[in-house]
Protein backbone atom coordinates (compact mmCIF):
# COMPACT_ATOMS: atom_id res chain seq x y z
CA MET A 1 4.76 -31.66 -16.02
CA SER A 2 3.73 -30.01 -18.40
CA SER A 3 0.50 -32.23 -19.10
CA ALA A 4 -0.24 -31.93 -15.68
CA ALA A 5 -0.49 -27.82 -15.77
CA ASP A 6 -2.45 -27.61 -18.61
CA ARG A 7 -4.29 -30.32 -18.03
CA ARG A 8 -5.11 -28.45 -14.84
CA GLY A 9 -5.48 -24.78 -17.22
CA ASN A 10 -7.34 -26.53 -19.59
CA GLY A 11 -10.32 -27.09 -17.06
CA ARG A 12 -10.21 -23.51 -14.74
CA GLY A 13 -11.01 -21.98 -18.78
CA ASN A 14 -14.75 -24.84 -18.93
CA ARG A 15 -15.46 -23.04 -16.01
CA ARG A 16 -15.93 -19.94 -16.93
CA GLY A 17 -17.15 -17.75 -14.57
CA ALA A 18 -19.48 -14.49 -13.93
CA SER A 19 -16.98 -11.73 -16.03
CA ILE A 20 -15.46 -9.19 -13.47
CA ALA A 21 -17.20 -6.30 -15.05
CA ARG A 22 -20.60 -6.94 -13.63
CA PRO A 23 -20.28 -6.58 -9.79
CA ILE A 24 -18.09 -2.72 -10.88
CA PHE A 25 -21.04 -2.01 -13.00
CA LEU A 26 -23.82 -3.27 -10.21
CA LEU A 27 -21.95 -1.23 -7.83
CA VAL A 28 -21.51 2.44 -9.05
CA ILE A 29 -25.78 1.87 -10.77
CA VAL A 30 -26.58 1.85 -6.77
CA SER A 31 -24.22 4.48 -5.59
CA VAL A 32 -25.39 6.42 -8.20
CA LEU A 33 -29.51 5.72 -7.87
CA LEU A 34 -28.27 5.90 -3.92
CA ALA A 35 -26.64 9.36 -4.07
CA THR A 36 -29.66 10.65 -5.92
CA ALA A 37 -32.22 10.08 -3.89
CA ILE A 38 -30.64 11.18 -0.97
CA SER A 39 -29.66 14.52 -3.09
CA PHE A 40 -33.98 14.16 -3.92
CA VAL A 41 -34.58 14.31 -0.12
CA VAL A 42 -31.80 16.74 0.52
CA THR A 43 -33.65 19.46 -1.60
CA PHE A 44 -36.70 19.11 -1.60
CA SER A 45 -36.30 18.96 2.52
CA GLY A 46 -35.93 23.08 3.28
CA PRO A 47 -33.26 24.95 2.33
CA PRO A 48 -31.02 25.61 5.14
CA PRO A 49 -32.94 28.75 7.80
CA PHE A 50 -31.64 32.13 6.92
CA ASP A 51 -32.89 35.57 8.44
CA PHE A 52 -35.11 37.32 6.03
CA PRO A 53 -34.22 41.35 5.75
CA HIS A 54 -36.55 43.81 7.88
CA SER A 55 -37.16 47.22 7.60
CA LEU A 56 -36.28 50.17 9.68
CA ARG A 57 -40.38 50.79 10.20
CA SER A 58 -39.91 47.15 11.99
CA ILE A 59 -37.31 48.11 13.31
CA ALA A 60 -38.58 51.09 14.74
CA THR A 61 -41.72 49.55 16.29
CA THR A 62 -40.27 46.52 17.83
CA LEU A 63 -37.94 49.43 20.11
CA LYS A 64 -41.42 51.27 20.65
CA GLY A 65 -42.58 47.35 21.94
CA GLU A 66 -45.86 48.13 19.83
CA GLY A 67 -45.18 44.52 17.36
CA PRO A 68 -44.60 44.28 14.51
CA PRO A 69 -46.50 46.55 11.64
CA PRO A 70 -49.74 45.40 9.41
CA PHE A 71 -47.18 45.81 6.11
CA ASP A 72 -44.88 42.65 8.07
CA HIS A 73 -47.77 40.08 7.40
CA GLY A 74 -48.95 41.34 4.05
CA ARG A 75 -49.28 43.89 1.92
CA PRO A 76 -47.75 47.62 3.16
CA PRO A 77 -50.76 50.70 3.10
CA SER A 78 -50.74 52.59 -0.36
CA GLY A 79 -48.48 55.08 -1.03
CA ASP A 80 -45.83 54.09 1.65
CA LYS A 81 -43.01 54.22 0.61
CA VAL A 82 -41.53 51.35 3.00
CA PRO A 83 -41.57 47.55 0.53
CA PHE A 84 -42.92 43.93 1.70
CA ILE A 85 -40.23 42.61 3.32
CA GLY A 86 -41.76 39.16 4.84
CA PRO A 87 -41.20 38.05 7.93
CA GLY A 88 -37.75 36.35 9.36
CA PRO A 89 -37.45 33.25 11.00
CA GLY A 90 -39.52 34.53 14.06
CA PRO A 91 -39.89 38.42 14.91
CA LEU A 92 -37.35 40.63 16.10
CA GLN A 93 -37.48 40.83 20.08
CA ARG A 94 -36.10 43.88 22.03
CA ARG A 95 -34.70 43.42 24.86
CA HIS A 96 -33.28 45.92 28.37
CA GLU A 97 -29.95 46.60 28.90
CA GLN A 98 -28.19 49.42 31.21
CA ALA A 99 -25.65 49.70 29.50
CA ALA A 100 -25.29 51.18 25.80
CA PRO A 101 -24.61 48.48 23.29
CA THR A 102 -21.60 48.22 21.46
CA ALA A 103 -20.62 46.52 18.12
CA ARG A 104 -20.49 43.08 17.16
CA SER A 105 -17.78 41.61 15.53
CA GLY A 106 -18.55 43.17 11.97
CA GLU A 107 -20.03 45.82 12.06
CA VAL A 108 -19.78 48.91 12.62
CA ALA A 109 -21.37 52.41 12.99
CA ASP A 110 -23.81 52.99 10.53
CA PRO A 111 -24.70 57.58 10.85
CA ALA A 112 -27.59 57.33 7.79
CA ALA A 113 -29.12 54.32 9.67
CA ARG A 114 -28.77 56.19 12.95
CA ARG A 115 -30.56 58.93 11.46
CA ARG A 116 -33.31 57.63 9.80
CA LEU A 117 -34.42 55.80 13.45
CA ALA A 118 -34.67 58.22 15.51
CA ALA A 119 -36.54 59.89 12.92
CA GLU A 120 -39.10 56.68 13.16
CA LEU A 121 -38.26 57.05 16.53
CA GLY A 122 -39.57 60.72 17.15
CA ALA A 123 -35.34 60.69 19.12
CA SER A 124 -32.61 62.23 19.14
CA SER A 125 -29.85 61.02 17.23
CA ALA A 126 -27.23 61.34 20.80
CA ASP A 127 -30.24 58.76 21.53
CA VAL A 128 -30.77 56.32 18.80
CA LEU A 129 -27.68 54.11 17.98
CA ALA A 130 -26.91 51.67 15.08
CA PHE A 131 -24.61 49.10 13.83
CA THR A 132 -24.32 47.35 11.23
CA GLU A 133 -22.05 45.56 8.34
CA THR A 134 -21.83 48.29 5.38
CA ALA A 135 -22.01 51.65 6.40
CA ASP A 136 -23.08 54.01 4.06
CA LYS A 137 -24.97 57.68 2.93
CA MET A 138 -27.10 55.76 1.21
CA GLU A 139 -30.53 54.98 2.70
CA ARG A 140 -32.08 51.63 2.43
CA ASP A 141 -35.06 50.18 3.71
CA ALA A 142 -34.32 47.14 4.82
CA PHE A 143 -31.28 45.42 6.68
CA VAL A 144 -29.67 41.83 6.55
CA GLY A 145 -26.86 40.52 8.12
CA SER A 146 -25.56 41.53 11.22
CA TYR A 147 -27.05 44.73 12.75
CA THR A 148 -27.35 46.21 16.11
CA PHE A 149 -29.80 48.99 16.51
CA ALA A 150 -30.50 50.61 19.73
CA TRP A 151 -32.85 53.00 22.09
CA ARG A 152 -32.45 54.89 25.35
CA ASP A 153 -34.60 55.75 27.26
CA GLY A 154 -35.04 57.19 30.91
CA THR A 155 -34.41 53.62 32.62
CA GLY A 156 -31.67 52.94 29.68
CA TRP A 157 -31.32 51.12 26.58
CA TRP A 158 -33.14 49.63 24.07
CA VAL A 159 -32.36 46.88 22.19
CA VAL A 160 -32.63 45.36 19.46
CA ARG A 161 -30.02 42.80 17.37
CA SER A 162 -30.40 40.80 14.07
CA GLN A 163 -30.66 36.28 14.77
CA VAL A 164 -27.09 35.10 14.79
CA ALA A 165 -26.73 32.29 12.43
CA PRO A 166 -25.85 29.20 14.10
CA TYR A 167 -22.70 27.65 12.32
CA LEU A 168 -25.36 23.94 11.80
CA THR A 169 -28.73 24.82 11.82
CA ARG A 170 -31.41 21.22 11.80
CA TRP A 171 -31.30 21.49 8.08
CA HIS A 172 -27.56 20.91 7.14
CA VAL A 173 -27.17 18.00 10.19
CA ARG A 174 -30.10 16.25 8.20
CA THR A 175 -27.68 16.90 4.79
CA LEU A 176 -23.83 15.79 7.12
CA LEU A 177 -26.47 12.42 8.33
CA ALA A 178 -28.36 11.83 4.92
CA MET A 179 -24.15 12.55 3.27
CA LEU A 180 -22.94 10.01 6.25
CA ALA A 181 -26.23 7.21 6.14
CA ALA A 182 -24.84 6.82 1.56
CA ILE A 183 -21.09 6.60 2.70
CA LEU A 184 -21.86 4.02 5.33
CA LEU A 185 -24.03 2.17 2.81
CA LEU A 186 -21.70 2.33 0.74
CA SER A 187 -18.92 1.43 1.61
CA PHE A 188 -19.65 -2.62 3.24
CA PRO A 189 -20.95 -3.32 -0.40
CA ALA A 190 -18.10 -1.43 -1.71
CA TRP A 191 -15.12 -2.75 0.63
CA ARG A 192 -16.66 -6.31 -0.38
CA ILE A 193 -16.95 -6.07 -3.86
CA ALA A 194 -13.27 -4.78 -3.85
CA ARG A 195 -12.23 -8.21 -1.38
CA ALA A 196 -13.50 -9.81 -3.31
CA LEU A 197 -12.63 -8.53 -6.30
CA THR A 198 -9.03 -8.48 -5.84
CA ARG A 199 -7.99 -11.76 -3.30
CA PRO A 200 -7.92 -13.63 -6.39
CA LEU A 201 -5.52 -11.66 -7.88
CA ARG A 202 -3.29 -10.88 -4.82
CA LEU A 203 -3.33 -14.72 -4.26
CA LEU A 204 -2.26 -15.10 -7.82
CA ALA A 205 0.62 -12.89 -7.90
CA ALA A 206 1.78 -15.03 -4.73
CA ALA A 207 1.55 -17.99 -6.72
CA ALA A 208 3.37 -16.79 -9.94
CA ASP A 209 5.68 -15.41 -7.98
CA GLN A 210 6.47 -19.02 -6.02
CA ALA A 211 6.76 -20.27 -9.01
CA GLY A 212 9.74 -21.42 -10.31
CA THR A 213 10.80 -23.31 -13.16
CA GLY A 214 11.43 -26.32 -11.10
CA ALA A 215 8.85 -25.71 -8.63
CA ALA A 216 4.93 -27.05 -8.20
CA LEU A 217 2.60 -24.38 -9.62
CA PRO A 218 0.74 -23.81 -6.20
CA VAL A 219 -3.50 -24.17 -6.41
CA LEU A 220 -4.74 -21.30 -8.66
CA PRO A 221 -7.05 -20.12 -7.11
CA GLY A 222 -10.76 -19.53 -9.19
CA GLY A 223 -13.16 -16.32 -9.31
CA SER A 224 -14.59 -13.75 -11.91
CA ARG A 225 -13.40 -15.08 -15.73
CA GLU A 226 -11.01 -12.28 -16.62
CA VAL A 227 -9.32 -14.04 -13.34
CA ARG A 228 -9.81 -17.79 -14.72
CA ASP A 229 -8.69 -16.28 -18.03
CA LEU A 230 -5.45 -14.93 -16.05
CA ALA A 231 -4.62 -17.83 -14.00
CA ARG A 232 -5.54 -19.80 -17.48
CA ALA A 233 -2.61 -18.24 -19.09
CA VAL A 234 -0.09 -18.45 -16.55
CA THR A 235 -0.86 -22.08 -15.87
CA THR A 236 0.42 -22.44 -19.98
CA MET A 237 3.76 -20.14 -18.91
CA HIS A 238 4.59 -22.17 -16.28
CA ALA A 239 4.44 -25.38 -18.63
CA ARG A 240 6.41 -23.50 -20.95
CA LEU A 241 9.16 -22.26 -18.76
CA ALA A 242 9.31 -25.76 -17.27
CA HIS A 243 9.51 -27.72 -20.57
CA HIS A 244 12.35 -25.43 -21.61
CA ALA A 245 14.56 -25.94 -17.92
CA GLU A 246 14.03 -28.89 -19.49
CA ALA A 247 14.89 -29.03 -22.81
CA ARG A 248 18.17 -26.75 -21.65
CA THR A 249 19.00 -29.69 -19.01
CA ALA A 250 18.73 -32.05 -21.83
CA MET A 251 21.05 -30.01 -23.95
CA LEU A 252 23.68 -29.35 -21.55
CA ALA A 253 23.77 -32.93 -20.21
CA GLY A 254 24.18 -34.00 -24.03
CA ILE A 255 26.33 -32.19 -24.21
CA ALA A 256 28.96 -32.71 -20.96
CA HIS A 257 28.21 -36.54 -22.34
CA ASP A 258 29.69 -35.71 -25.48
CA LEU A 259 32.90 -33.51 -24.19
CA GLY A 260 33.49 -36.76 -21.81
CA THR A 261 34.87 -38.75 -24.60
CA PRO A 262 37.96 -36.05 -25.93
CA LEU A 263 38.04 -35.13 -22.41
CA SER A 264 39.21 -39.07 -21.88
CA ARG A 265 40.89 -38.64 -25.01
CA LEU A 266 43.60 -35.37 -23.95
CA ALA A 267 43.63 -37.31 -20.02
CA PHE A 268 45.19 -40.35 -22.43
CA ARG A 269 47.71 -38.37 -24.42
CA VAL A 270 48.90 -36.37 -21.68
CA GLU A 271 50.61 -39.44 -20.25
CA GLN A 272 53.03 -38.98 -22.14
CA LEU A 273 54.04 -35.42 -21.75
CA PRO A 274 56.79 -34.29 -19.90
CA GLU A 275 55.94 -34.64 -16.43
CA ASP A 276 55.16 -30.72 -15.28
CA ALA A 277 53.68 -30.06 -18.62
CA ARG A 278 51.36 -33.51 -18.37
CA ALA A 279 50.42 -31.67 -14.49
CA ARG A 280 49.63 -28.54 -16.12
CA ALA A 281 47.05 -30.51 -18.47
CA ALA A 282 45.56 -32.78 -15.98
CA ALA A 283 44.77 -29.53 -14.00
CA ASP A 284 42.83 -27.91 -16.86
CA ILE A 285 41.61 -30.72 -17.75
CA GLU A 286 40.10 -31.76 -14.34
CA GLU A 287 38.61 -28.14 -13.87
CA MET A 288 37.33 -28.59 -17.35
CA ARG A 289 35.41 -31.79 -15.71
CA ALA A 290 34.58 -29.21 -12.34
CA MET A 291 33.06 -26.75 -14.53
CA ILE A 292 30.49 -29.47 -16.24
CA ALA A 293 29.38 -31.20 -13.81
CA ALA A 294 29.08 -27.39 -11.63
CA THR A 295 26.85 -25.74 -14.63
CA LEU A 296 24.39 -29.74 -14.82
CA ALA A 297 24.26 -29.11 -10.97
CA PHE A 298 22.85 -25.57 -11.68
CA THR A 299 20.42 -26.51 -13.98
CA ARG A 300 19.38 -29.11 -12.35
CA ASP A 301 18.92 -27.00 -9.07
CA ASP A 302 16.63 -24.87 -11.43
CA ALA A 303 14.92 -27.54 -12.84
CA VAL A 304 13.89 -29.96 -10.63
CA GLN A 305 10.77 -30.62 -8.90
CA THR A 306 11.18 -32.15 -5.79
CA GLU A 307 8.94 -32.67 -2.69
CA ALA A 308 8.14 -29.98 0.57
CA SER A 309 8.04 -31.23 3.51
CA ARG A 310 8.84 -30.04 7.66
CA LEU A 311 12.15 -29.05 8.31
CA ASP A 312 13.51 -27.97 11.80
CA LEU A 313 15.93 -25.98 10.43
CA ALA A 314 17.74 -25.29 13.54
CA SER A 315 19.13 -29.32 13.55
CA LEU A 316 19.67 -29.33 9.66
CA LEU A 317 22.10 -26.58 10.46
CA ASP A 318 23.57 -28.79 13.48
CA SER A 319 24.12 -31.10 11.12
CA LEU A 320 25.76 -29.25 8.21
CA VAL A 321 28.23 -27.29 10.46
CA GLN A 322 29.17 -30.70 11.85
CA ASP A 323 30.19 -32.12 9.12
CA MET A 324 32.34 -29.65 7.75
CA ALA A 325 33.93 -29.00 11.39
CA ASP A 326 34.40 -32.27 10.61
CA ALA A 327 36.38 -32.36 7.80
CA GLY A 328 38.80 -29.68 9.49
CA GLN A 329 36.73 -26.44 8.80
CA PRO A 330 36.86 -23.27 10.90
CA VAL A 331 33.19 -22.51 10.80
CA THR A 332 30.84 -21.47 14.36
CA LEU A 333 27.57 -21.88 14.71
CA ILE A 334 25.72 -20.32 17.20
CA PRO A 335 22.34 -22.22 18.98
CA GLY A 336 19.14 -19.72 17.99
CA PRO A 337 15.66 -20.50 18.31
CA ARG A 338 13.39 -23.32 16.58
CA ALA A 339 12.61 -22.95 13.10
CA VAL A 340 10.32 -24.87 10.84
CA VAL A 341 10.52 -24.68 7.56
CA ARG A 342 9.53 -26.27 4.74
CA GLY A 343 11.28 -27.23 1.81
CA ASP A 344 13.89 -29.95 0.06
CA SER A 345 16.54 -30.81 2.94
CA ALA A 346 19.40 -32.11 0.20
CA ALA A 347 19.40 -28.69 -1.89
CA LEU A 348 18.54 -26.24 1.49
CA ARG A 349 21.83 -28.00 2.79
CA ARG A 350 23.95 -27.75 -0.28
CA LEU A 351 22.63 -23.61 -0.19
CA PHE A 352 24.47 -23.02 3.62
CA SER A 353 27.10 -25.75 2.67
CA ASN A 354 27.95 -23.09 -0.47
CA LEU A 355 27.59 -19.51 1.73
CA ILE A 356 29.59 -21.20 4.16
CA ASP A 357 31.73 -22.17 1.42
CA ASN A 358 32.50 -19.58 -0.18
CA ALA A 359 33.12 -17.56 3.27
CA VAL A 360 35.73 -19.64 4.19
CA ARG A 361 37.37 -19.07 0.37
CA TYR A 362 36.88 -15.02 1.07
CA GLY A 363 36.88 -14.20 5.02
CA GLU A 364 39.11 -17.56 6.59
CA ARG A 365 36.02 -18.41 8.97
CA ALA A 366 32.43 -18.69 8.79
CA THR A 367 30.25 -18.09 12.34
CA ILE A 368 26.78 -19.23 11.56
CA GLY A 369 23.03 -17.95 13.12
CA TRP A 370 19.82 -17.32 13.19
CA GLY A 371 16.44 -15.02 14.64
CA MET A 372 12.94 -15.21 13.19
CA ASP A 373 11.30 -12.09 12.68
CA ASP A 374 7.40 -12.16 10.98
CA GLY A 375 6.86 -14.97 9.97
CA ASN A 376 10.07 -15.79 8.13
CA VAL A 377 13.96 -16.94 9.45
CA ASN A 378 16.92 -15.07 8.48
CA VAL A 379 19.94 -17.39 8.95
CA TRP A 380 23.41 -15.20 8.75
CA ILE A 381 26.61 -16.25 7.44
CA ALA A 382 29.69 -13.68 8.78
CA ASP A 383 32.94 -14.26 7.43
CA ASP A 384 36.45 -12.18 9.25
CA GLY A 385 37.92 -10.92 5.41
CA PRO A 386 37.86 -7.85 4.06
CA GLY A 387 34.06 -7.41 2.91
CA ILE A 388 32.23 -6.71 -0.57
CA ASP A 389 32.02 -3.69 -2.48
CA PRO A 390 28.66 -3.17 -2.09
CA ALA A 391 27.82 -1.97 -6.09
CA GLN A 392 29.06 -5.91 -7.25
CA ALA A 393 26.83 -7.25 -4.42
CA GLU A 394 24.23 -8.49 -7.02
CA ARG A 395 26.33 -8.71 -9.23
CA LEU A 396 27.58 -11.46 -7.33
CA PHE A 397 24.55 -14.18 -7.72
CA GLN A 398 24.90 -13.87 -11.26
CA PRO A 399 26.33 -17.43 -12.62
CA PHE A 400 30.05 -17.82 -13.54
CA VAL A 401 30.67 -14.44 -11.11
CA ARG A 402 33.11 -14.75 -9.27
CA GLY A 403 34.17 -12.23 -6.25
CA ASP A 404 38.51 -13.82 -6.74
CA PRO A 405 39.38 -11.70 -10.30
CA SER A 406 41.36 -14.27 -11.13
CA ARG A 407 40.69 -17.43 -13.22
CA ASN A 408 42.00 -19.38 -10.31
CA ARG A 409 39.52 -22.14 -9.33
CA ALA A 410 41.35 -22.73 -5.97
CA THR A 411 41.04 -19.27 -4.64
CA GLY A 412 37.45 -18.67 -7.63
CA GLY A 413 36.17 -21.98 -7.48
CA THR A 414 33.45 -22.04 -11.23
CA GLY A 415 31.38 -18.68 -10.08
CA LEU A 416 27.92 -20.81 -9.53
CA GLY A 417 27.70 -20.93 -5.63
CA LEU A 418 26.09 -18.07 -4.92
CA ALA A 419 23.47 -18.39 -7.92
CA ILE A 420 22.85 -21.57 -6.93
CA ALA A 421 21.89 -20.67 -3.19
CA ARG A 422 20.16 -17.72 -4.62
CA SER A 423 18.17 -19.69 -7.13
CA ILE A 424 17.07 -22.44 -3.74
CA ALA A 425 15.65 -19.81 -1.56
CA THR A 426 13.96 -18.08 -4.69
CA ARG A 427 12.41 -21.86 -5.03
CA HIS A 428 11.98 -22.12 -0.46
CA GLY A 429 9.41 -18.94 -1.20
CA GLY A 430 13.06 -16.76 0.10
CA ALA A 431 15.65 -15.08 -0.92
CA ALA A 432 19.63 -14.52 -0.34
CA THR A 433 21.63 -11.84 0.39
CA LEU A 434 24.40 -9.96 0.96
CA GLU A 435 26.33 -7.17 2.32
CA ASN A 436 29.56 -6.56 4.73
CA GLY A 437 29.60 -6.60 8.66
CA ALA A 438 30.84 -5.18 11.37
CA ALA A 439 34.39 -7.55 10.42
CA GLY A 440 33.63 -9.06 7.07
CA ALA A 441 31.04 -9.72 4.55
CA VAL A 442 27.41 -11.13 5.95
CA ALA A 443 25.36 -13.74 3.41
CA ARG A 444 21.52 -13.49 4.93
CA VAL A 445 19.78 -15.96 4.00
CA VAL A 446 15.18 -15.43 4.94
CA LEU A 447 12.73 -18.30 4.20
CA PRO A 448 9.41 -18.35 5.64
CA LEU A 449 8.21 -20.21 8.23
CA ALA A 450 6.40 -22.96 8.05
CA GLY A 451 2.52 -22.87 9.14
C-alpha cells in the first residue's frame, strides 16, 4: 500500500502544473486596468451638472420679463460693480402665481436681498419677497443653492426660483451604470477563477478527511502546481501513517504471540492450586487473553484495508438483530426506510454489535431504529438505563475507557467497544456519538448514503 501511494504521489509530482499565482496575478492586473479605463471614461465624460450662481440683477431682469442682461453672456459693462456670472444650465424662468410664494425647505427670509431686489426693480419692499438658504446682512452679488424671489404686480406675483437639482442626474446614472458594468464584467471571471482555485483544495481536504490509516486514499485532484505539491505531501503522509499502523499491528501481534507461551505455562501451573485460588487465577488469565485479543482486534480494525461495496443497511441491521435475539439478548428493531450505504459488511456488523452490546450491558435492553436526512442515514440505539454523564460522552470513546468505573470485565468489558465503533464509523466517512434520550442513553451513528 505504501509503495502504491508513493508511486501515485511521484506521478503527480512529475506532472507539475502552472502556479496558482498566475491566475490571481492576471485577475488583479485585468481588474486594475478595467477600473482605470472606466475611471478615465467617467472623468472625461464631464462633471455632474450644477446650477451656476446668478446675479441679483439677472434675477431682477427675469422678474421684469426682459430676458437675461447682456453681461450674463460676456464681460460686464465698464464700471459695473456686479461681477460677471456665467450662465447656469439654463436661463432663469419666471412664473406667475396668484398667491404670495412661501419659502421652500431650507430657505429663510433674507431682508438684505429683499431691499436690494426692491431697489433693482424700483418697487416697494412690501411688493418684494426674498428667501435664500443663508440670510445675512452682507450684500451679495450672486446667489447659489436654493432661493426664491418674488415681485408683486397688479394681478399677482412673478416668481423666480432656483432650479432643484435631481437626486440622480444623467451623469450620475452613467457613472453608476459604468461601475455596475465593471462589477459584472469582473465578477464572472473572478468567480470562475475562485472556483477553479478552491475546488481542488476542497476535494483534497475531503479526501484527506475520509482517509484513515487503514483505508485506501481516494483519488486526489490535480490542478495548479501548489495543489499537486500538497496532494503529493498528503499521499506521502498517508503512506507513512499506513506504514506506522502496519508496524504497530505487527508489534502487538508479536507481543501477543510472545505472551501466549507464559500465559499457557501459568494456566498449567494454576491447575495445581486449590480450587478457589485456581478459579480466580484462571479467570485472571482469561481476562488477560481477552484484553490482548481485543487490543489486537482494535488495532487490526484501525489498520486493515478492505474493499467497500454497496450494502442494504436495513437488511444488515435486521440480520444482526435477529442473530442477537436468537442468542437471548433483549433487542428490538424498529423498521425504517431503505438505506443503501457503501462499506465493509463485517466491519459495520461489528460496529452495531458493539453498540448494541453496550446498550444491553448498561441499559438492560436495546432498541434500534434509523432515518435519513440530507444524504445521510442516522441510526440510533437506545437503552433503558440511567443514561450517561454528558461531560464524559466523548471520553467514553477513548480506548480502554469504560462506563463502569470498576475493573470487573463482567460489567465493564475491555473498554474498546466504543472506540472500535467510532473507528469503523470514521473509516466509513461517518461519525458515532453518545447522548441522553428520553429513557436512557442513545448511541447515534451517521453514515453517508451511497451515491
